[in-house]
Amino acid sequence: MLQCFFECPVEGFVPNRHGLFDSLAIAENDDPWYMEHNCMHPVIFLNLASCGADTIEGTMAKIANAIAHEYTRHRYLYDERRMFPQELELFRRLSTKTARRGELVDSLAWLSTLLARYHSTQTVILIDEYDTPVNDAHINGFRHEMLDFYRTWLSDALKGTVDLFCSALTGVLRVSQESIFSEINNVRIDTTLDDDHAEAIGFTSAEAKALAVYVGRADRMDEMTAWYDGYRFGSTNVYNPWSVLNYLHSGVAQPYWTNTSRNGIVVDLVRRADEVQTAELAELASGGTVSKALDLRTVFDDLSENSGAVWAQLYQTGYVTTEDTGTPNDDMMPRRLHVPNLEVRRLYGKELIARATHLAGSAQRLAMLHRAFTAADAPAVQYALRQILLDSTSYHDLTSEAGYHVLLLALLYAVPGYRPATSDRESGDGRCDVLLEPLPSEVTRLPAHALEIKLDRNATDDNALYTCARDVALAQAKDLTYGHGLAGSGLVRWGISFCGKRVAVTCERS
């Protein structure tokens, strides 16, 4: 839209869009300044959505391709009467993807200069999905190389130049000013906690309803709302526009955005989650909330050191949302985060189930473990866990009681008929390691479960390990009345002890 509004026509190369905005609100504004810039500036438009790769070489090749496309679009600049021979050769290399790395660094600023010189007016630079190459570089371990390129590439074009009229960069993640824009002091950043452009990010309720009416699906609003609404940008509630358009076209409620977006952050978080994060992810997947402060100025280095940075990234990428959008610059204020809708909730569930299946070694073995727990069959649970420990889990991942805790939490996600397992929750007279409670529709059929886990590094044989499970873990669960008050057709208390890849399991109904 911005490209169409600003870009001046060039016969045979850039279409004439005069009149395109004549009937719209911008043309009817009392201030004539806006329309004075309509179709009056050359535009550089780069979409970097497909420029991510798993190596720096692959990423730079894709960026070179995007730059070449834009140079080719403005090939009317290639003029022997206006350019020196060395400039003609450089233009040829940039437009044919044969430029060197150093030439790519200067490519954005130089194209802006060429356009300003040709048109005798300043250039508009638009970059969509600017964060994709940086995010992929972070995931694949070459973030610093990518940031070094970005700093010079952008700062040369956006600062210290008289060729630029304005620029707009859009993306999913906020890459901090310290990471990319440290040399640029005139950047204005707008995030999803702010109000300035909230209505431009997605469809409002009125817009979604108008679209549904227009295509004859007004009777499907409830379903569309459950699946694709739920985002909150500033003080505005919005629907996911991509998913809404696909749903209105097909009439089928299913994942659209999460099937096409890059879900690496959720996949990585689920894979690496400790016991606290595993429980929090399960809570989100079941429709609950977690309370976290959001520092949207987080830099990528924080992601491996600061768990709070992960939640800020999840929020910015649309995998959680919050109604607590007041005081957007307060990075210490706890905000209640939740999954926005069914589409995203299914992604969490899918990844948590995938993790459980991977840990178990197969879907069949996971189902066998779930059936054994549901039936309170301690020998069967012990056999299943022993096979999982032997075949599917690295010994080096199980060096503490917390490691076994995480393993059981992950394995007990999506047990048929049960809510997701919860971790370290107050229960009875203490804090139980793992609690498993039936769904409301199953409380008359299925019992609740309370699990106490112990690591016995000194167990010399299976008998000693079983004694620890019965006389220490199960005894603690009974003495502290773990599971008291849980809904269900009874209660099963479990004592489970581990030593390396050996396990002992005992349980008692009450």
Protein backbone atom coordinates (compact mmCIF):
# COMPACT_ATOMS: atom_id res chain seq x y z
CA MET A 1 0.00 0.00 0.00
CA LEU A 2 2.79 2.44 0.88
CA GLN A 3 4.60 1.56 -2.32
CA CYS A 4 1.46 2.24 -4.37
CA PHE A 5 0.90 5.55 -2.59
CA PHE A 6 4.41 6.99 -2.86
CA GLU A 7 5.92 5.52 -6.03
CA CYS A 8 6.29 7.85 -8.99
CA PRO A 9 5.58 6.28 -12.39
CA VAL A 10 8.21 5.49 -15.00
CA GLU A 11 6.80 4.70 -18.41
CA GLY A 12 7.43 1.10 -19.34
CA PHE A 13 8.79 0.20 -15.87
CA VAL A 14 6.70 1.53 -12.96
CA PRO A 15 2.90 1.71 -13.46
CA ASN A 16 1.03 4.99 -13.10
CA ARG A 17 -1.13 4.76 -9.97
CA HIS A 18 -2.48 8.32 -10.00
CA GLY A 19 -6.11 8.29 -8.84
CA LEU A 20 -5.80 5.03 -6.90
CA PHE A 21 -6.35 6.81 -3.57
CA ASP A 22 -8.73 9.53 -4.75
CA SER A 23 -11.85 8.10 -3.13
CA LEU A 24 -10.20 7.19 0.16
CA ALA A 25 -9.93 9.03 3.47
CA ILE A 26 -6.35 10.15 2.90
CA ALA A 27 -7.41 12.16 -0.15
CA GLU A 28 -10.25 13.79 1.77
CA ASN A 29 -8.05 14.88 4.68
CA ASP A 30 -8.09 18.63 5.33
CA ASP A 31 -4.29 18.76 5.24
CA PRO A 32 -3.16 18.68 1.58
CA TRP A 33 0.38 17.65 2.61
CA TYR A 34 -0.38 13.94 2.27
CA MET A 35 -1.55 13.99 -1.32
CA GLU A 36 1.32 16.27 -2.28
CA HIS A 37 3.54 13.19 -1.87
CA ASN A 38 1.23 10.83 -3.74
CA CYS A 39 3.14 9.23 -6.65
CA MET A 40 6.01 11.68 -6.10
CA HIS A 41 8.88 9.50 -4.79
CA PRO A 42 10.91 6.57 -6.12
CA VAL A 43 10.47 3.51 -3.92
CA ILE A 44 12.80 0.67 -2.93
CA PHE A 45 10.69 -2.27 -1.74
CA LEU A 46 12.37 -5.40 -0.37
CA ASN A 47 10.50 -8.40 1.04
CA LEU A 48 12.92 -10.51 3.06
CA ALA A 49 10.37 -13.15 4.14
CA SER A 50 12.10 -15.85 2.12
CA CYS A 51 15.66 -14.72 2.88
CA GLY A 52 16.27 -16.96 5.87
CA ALA A 53 18.65 -19.91 5.55
CA ASP A 54 20.71 -22.23 7.74
CA THR A 55 24.09 -20.78 6.71
CA ILE A 56 25.44 -17.26 6.26
CA GLU A 57 26.28 -18.09 2.64
CA GLY A 58 22.74 -19.24 1.93
CA THR A 59 21.25 -16.17 3.61
CA MET A 60 23.48 -13.74 1.72
CA ALA A 61 22.62 -15.48 -1.55
CA LYS A 62 18.91 -14.95 -0.87
CA ILE A 63 19.43 -11.32 0.11
CA ALA A 64 21.47 -10.85 -3.08
CA ASN A 65 18.52 -12.26 -5.01
CA ALA A 66 16.10 -9.79 -3.40
CA ILE A 67 18.46 -6.91 -4.12
CA ALA A 68 18.91 -8.08 -7.71
CA HIS A 69 15.14 -8.16 -8.19
CA GLU A 70 14.84 -4.54 -7.06
CA TYR A 71 17.79 -3.37 -9.19
CA THR A 72 16.21 -5.11 -12.18
CA ARG A 73 12.85 -3.44 -11.45
CA HIS A 74 14.66 -0.10 -11.68
CA ARG A 75 16.78 -1.08 -14.69
CA TYR A 76 15.87 2.21 -16.39
CA LEU A 77 18.68 3.64 -14.24
CA TYR A 78 21.22 1.68 -16.28
CA ASP A 79 22.12 4.49 -18.66
CA GLU A 80 25.53 5.12 -20.20
CA ARG A 81 24.75 8.83 -20.42
CA ARG A 82 24.19 9.12 -16.66
CA MET A 83 26.63 6.62 -15.17
CA PHE A 84 30.38 6.08 -15.16
CA PRO A 85 31.68 2.81 -16.67
CA GLN A 86 32.52 1.42 -13.22
CA GLU A 87 28.99 2.27 -12.03
CA LEU A 88 27.50 0.45 -15.00
CA GLU A 89 29.56 -2.63 -14.19
CA LEU A 90 28.57 -2.53 -10.50
CA PHE A 91 24.90 -2.12 -11.43
CA ARG A 92 25.22 -5.13 -13.73
CA ARG A 93 26.76 -7.29 -10.98
CA LEU A 94 24.11 -6.29 -8.43
CA SER A 95 21.26 -6.98 -10.85
CA THR A 96 22.69 -10.38 -11.88
CA LYS A 97 23.51 -11.65 -8.35
CA THR A 98 27.27 -11.69 -9.00
CA ALA A 99 28.21 -8.86 -6.62
CA ARG A 100 30.76 -9.38 -3.86
CA ARG A 101 29.81 -9.21 -0.15
CA GLY A 102 31.27 -5.72 0.22
CA GLU A 103 29.23 -4.51 -2.75
CA LEU A 104 26.05 -5.95 -1.24
CA VAL A 105 26.73 -3.97 1.94
CA ASP A 106 26.57 -0.73 -0.07
CA SER A 107 23.75 -1.83 -2.38
CA LEU A 108 20.80 -0.29 -0.51
CA ALA A 109 22.34 3.14 -0.01
CA TRP A 110 23.65 3.26 -3.57
CA LEU A 111 20.32 2.36 -5.15
CA SER A 112 18.68 5.07 -3.05
CA THR A 113 21.25 7.59 -4.32
CA LEU A 114 20.76 6.53 -7.95
CA LEU A 115 16.98 6.88 -7.67
CA ALA A 116 17.15 10.28 -5.96
CA ARG A 117 19.57 11.48 -8.62
CA TYR A 118 17.40 10.25 -11.50
CA HIS A 119 14.07 11.54 -10.17
CA SER A 120 15.41 14.69 -8.47
CA THR A 121 13.44 13.82 -5.33
CA GLN A 122 14.09 11.77 -2.21
CA THR A 123 13.63 8.00 -2.02
CA VAL A 124 11.24 5.93 0.11
CA ILE A 125 12.70 2.64 1.44
CA LEU A 126 10.30 -0.14 2.49
CA ILE A 127 11.56 -3.43 3.97
CA ASP A 128 9.06 -6.13 4.91
CA GLU A 129 9.95 -9.06 7.21
CA TYR A 130 13.29 -7.41 7.98
CA ASP A 131 13.79 -9.73 10.96
CA THR A 132 13.61 -13.08 9.13
CA PRO A 133 17.32 -13.33 8.18
CA VAL A 134 18.37 -12.30 11.71
CA ASN A 135 16.01 -14.75 13.40
CA ASP A 136 17.18 -17.64 11.22
CA ALA A 137 20.78 -16.61 11.82
CA HIS A 138 20.16 -16.73 15.58
CA ILE A 139 18.62 -20.20 15.37
CA ASN A 140 21.46 -21.52 13.20
CA GLY A 141 24.40 -19.93 15.02
CA PHE A 142 25.63 -17.10 12.79
CA ARG A 143 23.72 -14.18 14.29
CA HIS A 144 26.78 -11.97 14.79
CA GLU A 145 27.84 -12.22 11.14
CA MET A 146 24.30 -11.35 10.06
CA LEU A 147 24.09 -8.37 12.40
CA ASP A 148 27.45 -7.05 11.16
CA PHE A 149 26.05 -6.98 7.61
CA TYR A 150 22.73 -5.46 8.69
CA ARG A 151 24.27 -2.60 10.69
CA THR A 152 26.19 -1.19 7.74
CA TRP A 153 23.64 -2.11 5.09
CA LEU A 154 20.83 -0.27 6.89
CA SER A 155 22.70 2.58 8.55
CA ASP A 156 24.33 3.71 5.29
CA ALA A 157 20.89 3.96 3.66
CA LEU A 158 18.89 5.32 6.61
CA LYS A 159 21.31 7.74 8.30
CA GLY A 160 23.71 10.39 7.15
CA THR A 161 22.08 10.75 3.74
CA VAL A 162 20.07 13.46 2.00
CA ASP A 163 18.62 10.90 -0.42
CA LEU A 164 16.01 9.46 1.98
CA PHE A 165 12.48 10.85 2.36
CA CYS A 166 11.28 8.17 4.81
CA SER A 167 11.53 4.47 5.52
CA ALA A 168 9.33 1.78 7.07
CA LEU A 169 10.51 -1.62 8.27
CA THR A 170 8.05 -4.27 9.38
CA GLY A 171 8.66 -7.61 11.03
CA VAL A 172 7.45 -10.08 13.58
CA LEU A 173 10.29 -9.73 16.09
CA ARG A 174 11.59 -6.48 17.46
CA VAL A 175 15.33 -6.71 16.87
CA SER A 176 16.72 -4.30 19.43
CA GLN A 177 18.20 -0.96 18.52
CA GLU A 178 21.44 -2.10 20.14
CA SER A 179 21.62 -5.08 17.76
CA ILE A 180 20.92 -3.43 14.41
CA PHE A 181 20.07 0.24 14.68
CA SER A 182 22.86 1.36 17.00
CA GLU A 183 24.10 3.79 14.36
CA ILE A 184 20.62 5.18 13.65
CA ASN A 185 19.16 7.70 16.08
CA ASN A 186 15.93 8.63 14.34
CA VAL A 187 14.10 5.29 14.57
CA ARG A 188 10.55 5.20 15.90
CA ILE A 189 9.52 1.72 17.08
CA ASP A 190 5.91 0.60 17.40
CA THR A 191 5.11 -2.76 19.01
CA THR A 192 1.93 -4.73 19.64
CA LEU A 193 1.66 -3.17 23.09
CA ASP A 194 1.24 0.25 21.46
CA ASP A 195 -1.91 1.76 19.99
CA ASP A 196 -0.60 3.77 17.04
CA HIS A 197 -1.03 1.15 14.31
CA ALA A 198 -3.09 -1.51 16.07
CA GLU A 199 -5.94 -1.52 13.56
CA ALA A 200 -3.52 -1.92 10.66
CA ILE A 201 -2.06 -5.19 11.97
CA GLY A 202 -5.20 -7.35 11.79
CA PHE A 203 -8.94 -7.28 11.22
CA THR A 204 -11.07 -5.65 13.89
CA SER A 205 -14.30 -7.34 14.96
CA ALA A 206 -16.32 -5.00 12.75
CA GLU A 207 -14.09 -5.69 9.75
CA ALA A 208 -14.20 -9.46 10.28
CA LYS A 209 -17.98 -9.38 10.56
CA ALA A 210 -18.31 -7.22 7.44
CA LEU A 211 -16.14 -9.67 5.50
CA ALA A 212 -18.19 -12.64 6.73
CA VAL A 213 -21.41 -10.92 5.66
CA TYR A 214 -19.90 -10.01 2.29
CA VAL A 215 -19.04 -13.64 1.44
CA GLY A 216 -22.28 -15.05 2.88
CA ARG A 217 -20.81 -16.66 6.00
CA ALA A 218 -22.28 -14.41 8.70
CA ASP A 219 -23.67 -17.49 10.44
CA ARG A 220 -20.09 -18.74 10.96
CA MET A 221 -18.88 -15.83 13.10
CA ASP A 222 -18.77 -17.84 16.35
CA GLU A 223 -16.55 -20.49 14.80
CA MET A 224 -14.31 -17.91 13.12
CA THR A 225 -13.96 -16.03 16.41
CA ALA A 226 -12.99 -19.15 18.37
CA TRP A 227 -10.36 -20.12 15.84
CA TYR A 228 -8.80 -16.84 14.69
CA ASP A 229 -9.72 -13.98 17.08
CA GLY A 230 -8.11 -13.29 20.45
CA TYR A 231 -5.17 -11.01 19.64
CA ARG A 232 -4.84 -7.74 21.51
CA PHE A 233 -2.74 -4.95 20.03
CA GLY A 234 -2.71 -1.91 22.28
CA SER A 235 -6.35 -1.45 23.23
CA THR A 236 -7.68 -3.08 20.05
CA ASN A 237 -8.91 -6.68 19.66
CA VAL A 238 -8.01 -8.15 16.28
CA TYR A 239 -8.38 -11.31 14.20
CA ASN A 240 -5.53 -12.98 12.31
CA PRO A 241 -6.12 -11.61 8.79
CA TRP A 242 -4.39 -14.43 6.87
CA SER A 243 -6.40 -17.14 8.62
CA VAL A 244 -9.70 -15.23 8.36
CA LEU A 245 -9.33 -14.80 4.59
CA ASN A 246 -8.48 -18.47 4.12
CA TYR A 247 -11.38 -19.54 6.35
CA LEU A 248 -13.88 -17.33 4.54
CA HIS A 249 -12.65 -18.71 1.24
CA SER A 250 -12.80 -22.40 2.18
CA GLY A 251 -15.43 -22.44 4.92
CA VAL A 252 -13.32 -24.99 6.83
CA ALA A 253 -12.00 -24.20 10.33
CA GLN A 254 -8.43 -25.48 10.49
CA PRO A 255 -4.91 -24.12 11.08
CA TYR A 256 -3.86 -21.75 8.32
CA TRP A 257 -1.30 -19.32 9.74
CA THR A 258 0.42 -21.91 11.97
CA ASN A 259 0.72 -24.25 8.98
CA THR A 260 2.53 -21.61 6.92
CA SER A 261 4.42 -19.58 9.55
CA ARG A 262 7.86 -20.35 10.87
CA ASN A 263 7.11 -22.02 14.22
CA GLY A 264 10.75 -22.56 15.19
CA ILE A 265 10.51 -20.56 18.41
CA VAL A 266 7.67 -22.72 19.79
CA VAL A 267 9.33 -25.94 18.64
CA ASP A 268 12.63 -24.90 20.23
CA LEU A 269 10.97 -23.81 23.50
CA VAL A 270 9.03 -27.08 23.84
CA ARG A 271 12.13 -29.12 23.08
CA ARG A 272 14.30 -27.36 25.67
CA ALA A 273 11.68 -26.67 28.38
CA ASP A 274 12.54 -27.43 32.00
CA GLU A 275 9.90 -28.66 34.46
CA VAL A 276 8.54 -25.16 35.12
CA GLN A 277 8.31 -24.24 31.44
CA THR A 278 6.86 -27.65 30.55
CA ALA A 279 4.05 -27.10 33.06
CA GLU A 280 3.52 -23.53 31.82
CA LEU A 281 3.32 -24.67 28.20
CA ALA A 282 0.82 -27.37 29.14
CA GLU A 283 -1.23 -24.74 31.00
CA LEU A 284 -1.26 -22.51 27.92
CA ALA A 285 -2.20 -25.42 25.66
CA SER A 286 -5.19 -26.19 27.87
CA GLY A 287 -6.47 -22.60 27.76
CA GLY A 288 -4.87 -21.27 30.95
CA THR A 289 -2.66 -18.26 31.63
CA VAL A 290 0.85 -17.59 32.86
CA SER A 291 2.02 -14.30 34.37
CA LYS A 292 5.22 -12.84 32.92
CA ALA A 293 6.87 -9.45 32.53
CA LEU A 294 7.55 -8.49 28.92
CA ASP A 295 10.70 -6.64 27.97
CA LEU A 296 10.28 -6.04 24.26
CA ARG A 297 13.73 -4.48 24.07
CA THR A 298 15.28 -7.88 24.55
CA VAL A 299 18.34 -8.64 22.44
CA PHE A 300 19.03 -12.07 20.96
CA ASP A 301 21.88 -12.74 23.37
CA ASP A 302 19.31 -12.80 26.19
CA LEU A 303 17.42 -15.77 24.74
CA SER A 304 19.94 -18.31 25.98
CA GLU A 305 20.41 -16.64 29.36
CA ASN A 306 17.08 -15.05 30.28
CA SER A 307 13.91 -17.15 30.30
CA GLY A 308 11.86 -13.96 30.31
CA ALA A 309 13.26 -13.09 26.90
CA VAL A 310 11.62 -16.20 25.45
CA TRP A 311 8.18 -15.04 26.60
CA ALA A 312 8.74 -11.61 25.04
CA GLN A 313 9.64 -13.35 21.78
CA LEU A 314 6.57 -15.61 21.97
CA TYR A 315 4.42 -12.53 22.50
CA GLN A 316 5.92 -10.60 19.60
CA THR A 317 5.52 -13.54 17.23
CA GLY A 318 1.84 -14.02 18.06
CA TYR A 319 2.03 -17.30 19.99
CA VAL A 320 0.73 -15.68 23.18
CA THR A 321 -1.22 -12.48 23.76
CA THR A 322 -2.41 -10.39 26.68
CA GLU A 323 -5.11 -7.93 27.60
CA ASP A 324 -2.66 -6.25 30.01
CA THR A 325 -1.32 -3.76 27.46
CA GLY A 326 -1.25 -0.68 29.67
CA THR A 327 2.05 1.16 30.25
CA PRO A 328 3.77 -0.52 27.26
CA ASN A 329 7.24 0.64 28.33
CA ASP A 330 7.01 -0.94 31.78
CA ASP A 331 9.21 -4.03 31.41
CA MET A 332 8.72 -5.06 35.06
CA MET A 333 4.92 -5.25 35.10
CA PRO A 334 3.56 -8.84 35.20
CA ARG A 335 1.16 -9.47 32.33
CA ARG A 336 -1.26 -12.39 32.07
CA LEU A 337 -0.32 -14.24 28.90
CA HIS A 338 -2.57 -16.72 27.15
CA VAL A 339 -2.86 -18.46 23.80
CA PRO A 340 -5.08 -16.29 21.57
CA ASN A 341 -7.25 -18.93 19.89
CA LEU A 342 -7.79 -22.54 18.89
CA GLU A 343 -5.45 -22.31 15.92
CA VAL A 344 -2.43 -21.46 18.06
CA ARG A 345 -3.52 -23.70 20.95
CA ARG A 346 -3.43 -26.68 18.62
CA LEU A 347 0.15 -25.85 17.70
CA TYR A 348 1.22 -26.03 21.34
CA GLY A 349 -0.62 -29.31 21.79
CA LYS A 350 0.88 -30.73 18.63
CA GLU A 351 4.44 -29.87 19.68
CA LEU A 352 3.98 -31.14 23.23
CA ILE A 353 2.59 -34.43 21.91
CA ALA A 354 5.47 -34.63 19.43
CA ARG A 355 7.94 -34.16 22.29
CA ALA A 356 6.24 -36.85 24.39
CA THR A 357 6.21 -39.25 21.43
CA HIS A 358 9.89 -38.58 20.75
CA LEU A 359 10.82 -39.21 24.39
CA ALA A 360 8.75 -42.41 24.49
CA GLY A 361 10.29 -43.70 21.27
CA SER A 362 6.97 -44.29 19.51
CA ALA A 363 3.30 -43.41 19.67
CA GLN A 364 2.51 -47.00 20.61
CA ARG A 365 4.86 -46.97 23.60
CA LEU A 366 3.45 -43.62 24.76
CA ALA A 367 -0.10 -44.98 24.53
CA MET A 368 0.96 -48.05 26.52
CA LEU A 369 2.35 -45.82 29.29
CA HIS A 370 -0.84 -43.72 29.36
CA ARG A 371 -3.04 -46.82 29.62
CA ALA A 372 -0.92 -48.17 32.47
CA PHE A 373 -1.22 -44.92 34.43
CA THR A 374 -4.96 -44.71 33.86
CA ALA A 375 -5.37 -48.29 35.12
CA ALA A 376 -3.05 -47.67 38.13
CA ASP A 377 -0.97 -50.64 36.95
CA ALA A 378 2.38 -50.03 38.68
CA PRO A 379 4.28 -52.96 37.08
CA ALA A 380 3.14 -51.88 33.62
CA VAL A 381 4.15 -48.26 34.27
CA GLN A 382 7.53 -49.44 35.54
CA TYR A 383 8.06 -51.63 32.45
CA ALA A 384 7.10 -48.80 30.08
CA LEU A 385 9.34 -46.26 31.81
CA ARG A 386 12.23 -48.73 31.85
CA GLN A 387 11.95 -49.24 28.09
CA ILE A 388 11.78 -45.49 27.51
CA LEU A 389 14.86 -44.91 29.66
CA LEU A 390 16.78 -47.70 27.90
CA ASP A 391 15.94 -46.77 24.33
CA SER A 392 14.98 -43.14 24.09
CA THR A 393 16.64 -40.97 26.70
CA SER A 394 20.26 -39.89 26.96
CA TYR A 395 21.86 -40.80 30.27
CA HIS A 396 23.54 -37.38 30.26
CA ASP A 397 20.12 -35.65 30.37
CA LEU A 398 19.21 -37.41 33.63
CA THR A 399 21.71 -36.07 36.12
CA SER A 400 19.23 -34.65 38.64
CA GLU A 401 15.79 -35.26 40.06
CA ALA A 402 14.57 -32.31 37.99
CA GLY A 403 15.56 -34.16 34.81
CA TYR A 404 13.29 -37.10 35.65
CA HIS A 405 10.59 -34.64 36.70
CA VAL A 406 10.68 -32.99 33.25
CA LEU A 407 10.63 -36.41 31.58
CA LEU A 408 7.45 -37.48 33.40
CA LEU A 409 5.73 -34.13 32.86
CA ALA A 410 6.40 -34.35 29.13
CA LEU A 411 5.30 -37.98 28.89
CA LEU A 412 2.04 -37.30 30.77
CA TYR A 413 0.86 -34.54 28.45
CA ALA A 414 -2.46 -35.40 26.73
CA VAL A 415 -3.25 -38.60 28.64
CA PRO A 416 -6.71 -39.51 27.27
CA GLY A 417 -9.44 -38.23 29.57
CA TYR A 418 -7.10 -36.01 31.62
CA ARG A 419 -6.07 -32.40 31.86
CA PRO A 420 -2.36 -31.69 31.19
CA ALA A 421 -0.20 -32.71 34.15
CA THR A 422 0.75 -29.91 36.55
CA SER A 423 4.07 -29.52 38.32
CA ASP A 424 5.10 -28.68 41.88
CA ARG A 425 1.63 -27.51 42.85
CA GLU A 426 0.43 -27.07 46.43
CA SER A 427 -1.59 -30.12 47.37
CA GLY A 428 -2.54 -31.46 50.78
CA ASP A 429 0.17 -30.46 53.25
CA GLY A 430 2.95 -29.89 50.73
CA ARG A 431 3.89 -29.44 47.07
CA CYS A 432 3.37 -32.51 44.93
CA ASP A 433 5.80 -33.20 42.08
CA VAL A 434 3.15 -34.07 39.49
CA LEU A 435 -0.66 -33.99 39.64
CA LEU A 436 -2.95 -35.48 37.01
CA GLU A 437 -6.65 -34.64 37.15
CA PRO A 438 -9.48 -35.93 34.95
CA LEU A 439 -11.38 -33.69 32.58
CA PRO A 440 -14.72 -32.49 34.00
CA SER A 441 -16.55 -34.93 31.75
CA GLU A 442 -14.49 -37.87 33.08
CA VAL A 443 -14.45 -37.25 36.85
CA THR A 444 -17.00 -39.99 37.55
CA ARG A 445 -15.01 -42.54 35.53
CA LEU A 446 -11.33 -41.80 36.05
CA PRO A 447 -9.28 -41.33 39.24
CA ALA A 448 -6.92 -38.45 39.96
CA HIS A 449 -3.19 -39.13 40.32
CA ALA A 450 -0.49 -37.65 42.60
CA LEU A 451 3.13 -38.53 41.81
CA GLU A 452 6.19 -38.12 44.04
CA ILE A 453 9.56 -38.59 42.32
CA LYS A 454 12.88 -39.45 43.94
CA LEU A 455 16.42 -39.86 42.66
CA ASP A 456 18.38 -42.51 44.59
CA ARG A 457 21.96 -42.39 43.36
CA ASN A 458 23.03 -44.97 45.95
CA ALA A 459 20.57 -47.72 45.04
CA THR A 460 22.75 -50.79 44.56
CA ASP A 461 20.04 -53.03 43.12
CA ASP A 462 16.37 -53.08 42.10
CA ASN A 463 15.24 -54.02 45.61
CA ALA A 464 16.88 -50.93 47.08
CA LEU A 465 15.33 -48.77 44.37
CA TYR A 466 11.87 -50.24 45.06
CA THR A 467 12.32 -49.59 48.78
CA CYS A 468 13.01 -45.94 47.99
CA ALA A 469 9.89 -45.75 45.81
CA ARG A 470 7.66 -47.36 48.46
CA ASP A 471 9.12 -46.19 51.78
CA VAL A 472 10.30 -42.70 50.78
CA ALA A 473 8.40 -41.40 47.72
CA LEU A 474 5.00 -43.08 48.26
CA ALA A 475 5.22 -42.60 52.02
CA GLN A 476 5.76 -38.86 51.51
CA ALA A 477 2.78 -38.66 49.14
CA LYS A 478 0.59 -40.37 51.75
CA ASP A 479 1.92 -38.55 54.81
CA LEU A 480 1.45 -35.13 53.18
CA THR A 481 -1.94 -36.16 51.67
CA TYR A 482 -0.90 -35.22 48.14
CA GLY A 483 -3.88 -35.06 45.79
CA HIS A 484 -6.36 -34.16 48.52
CA GLY A 485 -9.44 -32.51 47.05
CA LEU A 486 -8.74 -33.39 43.41
CA ALA A 487 -11.80 -34.28 41.36
CA GLY A 488 -12.05 -37.88 40.19
CA SER A 489 -13.44 -41.29 40.95
CA GLY A 490 -10.87 -41.83 43.65
CA LEU A 491 -7.19 -40.99 44.00
CA VAL A 492 -4.02 -42.91 43.08
CA ARG A 493 -0.82 -41.91 44.85
CA TRP A 494 2.44 -42.94 43.20
CA GLY A 495 5.98 -43.30 44.44
CA ILE A 496 8.58 -43.44 41.66
CA SER A 497 12.34 -43.68 42.16
CA PHE A 498 15.10 -43.48 39.57
CA CYS A 499 18.78 -44.34 39.41
CA GLY A 500 20.43 -43.83 36.04
CA LYS A 501 18.28 -45.76 33.58
CA ARG A 502 16.68 -47.94 36.25
CA VAL A 503 13.25 -47.18 37.72
CA ALA A 504 10.95 -48.54 40.42
CA VAL A 505 7.24 -47.76 40.62
CA THR A 506 4.66 -48.34 43.32
CA CYS A 507 1.16 -46.94 43.82
CA GLU A 508 -1.78 -47.07 46.20
CA ARG A 509 -5.47 -46.29 45.60
CA SER A 510 -7.53 -44.40 48.12
